[in-house]
Amino acid sequence: MNSIKKGLGILWLILGPVITYFLIMGAIHNIDPDGKKDINNPVIWIIIITIFLPIAIGLMIFGWYALKGEYSQKTADQ
């Protein structure tokens, strides 16, 4: 079980920057001053990035602790 936790820790460490990259690239791609839809408004993207960036950072922190073994099962001797 501990090896699964460490493996998922690596996954979460990779997933955090990937999510951040796609958020920023989505904002760059969709912001258009001539666009009439809500998705083209930069304020909407600032709000989206402000909400999801701490979640991505939290995933990376959680992954780091899982990789270090902080969530490992302790034996009765410890």
C-alpha atoms as a PDB file:
ATOM      1  CA  MET A   1       0.000   0.000   0.000  1.00  0.00           C
ATOM      2  CA  ASN A   2       2.868   2.355   0.778  1.00  0.00           C
ATOM      3  CA  SER A   3       4.328   1.858  -2.706  1.00  0.00           C
ATOM      4  CA  ILE A   4       0.959   2.834  -4.208  1.00  0.00           C
ATOM      5  CA  LYS A   5       0.962   5.994  -2.102  1.00  0.00           C
ATOM      6  CA  LYS A   6       4.479   6.863  -3.260  1.00  0.00           C
ATOM      7  CA  GLY A   7       3.538   6.183  -6.886  1.00  0.00           C
ATOM      8  CA  LEU A   8       0.515   8.431  -6.601  1.00  0.00           C
ATOM      9  CA  GLY A   9       2.760  11.038  -4.979  1.00  0.00           C
ATOM     10  CA  ILE A  10       4.842  11.118  -8.148  1.00  0.00           C
ATOM     11  CA  LEU A  11       1.662  11.412 -10.201  1.00  0.00           C
ATOM     12  CA  TRP A  12       0.424  14.363  -8.136  1.00  0.00           C
ATOM     13  CA  LEU A  13       3.814  16.059  -8.310  1.00  0.00           C
ATOM     14  CA  ILE A  14       3.653  15.865 -12.105  1.00  0.00           C
ATOM     15  CA  LEU A  15      -0.042  16.719 -12.324  1.00  0.00           C
ATOM     16  CA  GLY A  16       0.268  20.077 -10.501  1.00  0.00           C
ATOM     17  CA  PRO A  17       2.544  21.796 -13.063  1.00  0.00           C
ATOM     18  CA  VAL A  18       0.659  20.194 -15.959  1.00  0.00           C
ATOM     19  CA  ILE A  19      -2.631  21.645 -14.719  1.00  0.00           C
ATOM     20  CA  THR A  20      -0.985  25.043 -14.261  1.00  0.00           C
ATOM     21  CA  TYR A  21       0.449  24.903 -17.785  1.00  0.00           C
ATOM     22  CA  PHE A  22      -2.916  24.055 -19.349  1.00  0.00           C
ATOM     23  CA  LEU A  23      -4.672  26.799 -17.370  1.00  0.00           C
ATOM     24  CA  ILE A  24      -2.235  29.461 -18.527  1.00  0.00           C
ATOM     25  CA  MET A  25      -2.156  28.204 -22.117  1.00  0.00           C
ATOM     26  CA  GLY A  26      -5.961  28.073 -22.168  1.00  0.00           C
ATOM     27  CA  ALA A  27      -6.076  31.668 -20.988  1.00  0.00           C
ATOM     28  CA  ILE A  28      -3.552  32.797 -23.611  1.00  0.00           C
ATOM     29  CA  HIS A  29      -5.404  30.934 -26.332  1.00  0.00           C
ATOM     30  CA  ASN A  30      -8.914  32.102 -25.418  1.00  0.00           C
ATOM     31  CA  ILE A  31      -8.421  35.736 -24.393  1.00  0.00           C
ATOM     32  CA  ASP A  32      -9.457  37.810 -27.375  1.00  0.00           C
ATOM     33  CA  PRO A  33     -10.307  41.530 -27.202  1.00  0.00           C
ATOM     34  CA  ASP A  34     -12.581  41.188 -30.248  1.00  0.00           C
ATOM     35  CA  GLY A  35     -14.431  38.172 -28.858  1.00  0.00           C
ATOM     36  CA  LYS A  36     -17.981  38.534 -27.612  1.00  0.00           C
ATOM     37  CA  LYS A  37     -18.225  35.398 -25.459  1.00  0.00           C
ATOM     38  CA  ASP A  38     -17.483  35.196 -21.722  1.00  0.00           C
ATOM     39  CA  ILE A  39     -14.547  32.868 -22.381  1.00  0.00           C
ATOM     40  CA  ASN A  40     -12.769  35.703 -24.227  1.00  0.00           C
ATOM     41  CA  ASN A  41     -12.868  38.006 -21.211  1.00  0.00           C
ATOM     42  CA  PRO A  42      -9.545  38.199 -19.329  1.00  0.00           C
ATOM     43  CA  VAL A  43     -11.307  38.820 -15.992  1.00  0.00           C
ATOM     44  CA  ILE A  44     -12.933  35.388 -16.171  1.00  0.00           C
ATOM     45  CA  TRP A  45      -9.529  33.767 -16.742  1.00  0.00           C
ATOM     46  CA  ILE A  46      -7.974  35.665 -13.842  1.00  0.00           C
ATOM     47  CA  ILE A  47     -10.728  34.321 -11.593  1.00  0.00           C
ATOM     48  CA  ILE A  48     -10.299  30.752 -12.909  1.00  0.00           C
ATOM     49  CA  ILE A  49      -6.525  30.808 -12.471  1.00  0.00           C
ATOM     50  CA  THR A  50      -6.828  32.384  -9.010  1.00  0.00           C
ATOM     51  CA  ILE A  51      -9.117  29.565  -7.887  1.00  0.00           C
ATOM     52  CA  PHE A  52      -7.331  26.599  -9.458  1.00  0.00           C
ATOM     53  CA  LEU A  53      -3.685  27.597  -8.966  1.00  0.00           C
ATOM     54  CA  PRO A  54      -3.776  26.979  -5.171  1.00  0.00           C
ATOM     55  CA  ILE A  55      -5.443  23.626  -5.845  1.00  0.00           C
ATOM     56  CA  ALA A  56      -2.591  22.672  -8.191  1.00  0.00           C
ATOM     57  CA  ILE A  57      -0.030  23.804  -5.614  1.00  0.00           C
ATOM     58  CA  GLY A  58      -1.860  21.748  -2.981  1.00  0.00           C
ATOM     59  CA  LEU A  59      -1.644  18.699  -5.242  1.00  0.00           C
ATOM     60  CA  MET A  60       2.106  19.168  -5.503  1.00  0.00           C
ATOM     61  CA  ILE A  61       2.488  19.542  -1.732  1.00  0.00           C
ATOM     62  CA  PHE A  62       0.323  16.473  -1.130  1.00  0.00           C
ATOM     63  CA  GLY A  63       2.358  14.539  -3.696  1.00  0.00           C
ATOM     64  CA  TRP A  64       5.636  15.605  -2.059  1.00  0.00           C
ATOM     65  CA  TYR A  65       4.501  14.354   1.346  1.00  0.00           C
ATOM     66  CA  ALA A  66       3.200  11.114  -0.172  1.00  0.00           C
ATOM     67  CA  LEU A  67       6.523  10.594  -1.947  1.00  0.00           C
ATOM     68  CA  LYS A  68       8.468  11.215   1.261  1.00  0.00           C
ATOM     69  CA  GLY A  69       6.362   8.602   3.054  1.00  0.00           C
ATOM     70  CA  GLU A  70       4.580  10.905   5.478  1.00  0.00           C
ATOM     71  CA  TYR A  71       1.327   8.984   4.936  1.00  0.00           C
ATOM     72  CA  SER A  72       2.926   5.563   5.461  1.00  0.00           C
ATOM     73  CA  GLN A  73       1.338   3.120   7.858  1.00  0.00           C
ATOM     74  CA  LYS A  74       3.207   3.037  11.138  1.00  0.00           C
ATOM     75  CA  THR A  75       3.860  -0.279  12.868  1.00  0.00           C
ATOM     76  CA  ALA A  76       2.988  -0.959  16.510  1.00  0.00           C
ATOM     77  CA  ASP A  77       6.642  -0.492  17.534  1.00  0.00           C
ATOM     78  CA  GLN A  78       6.799   3.122  16.404  1.00  0.00           C
END
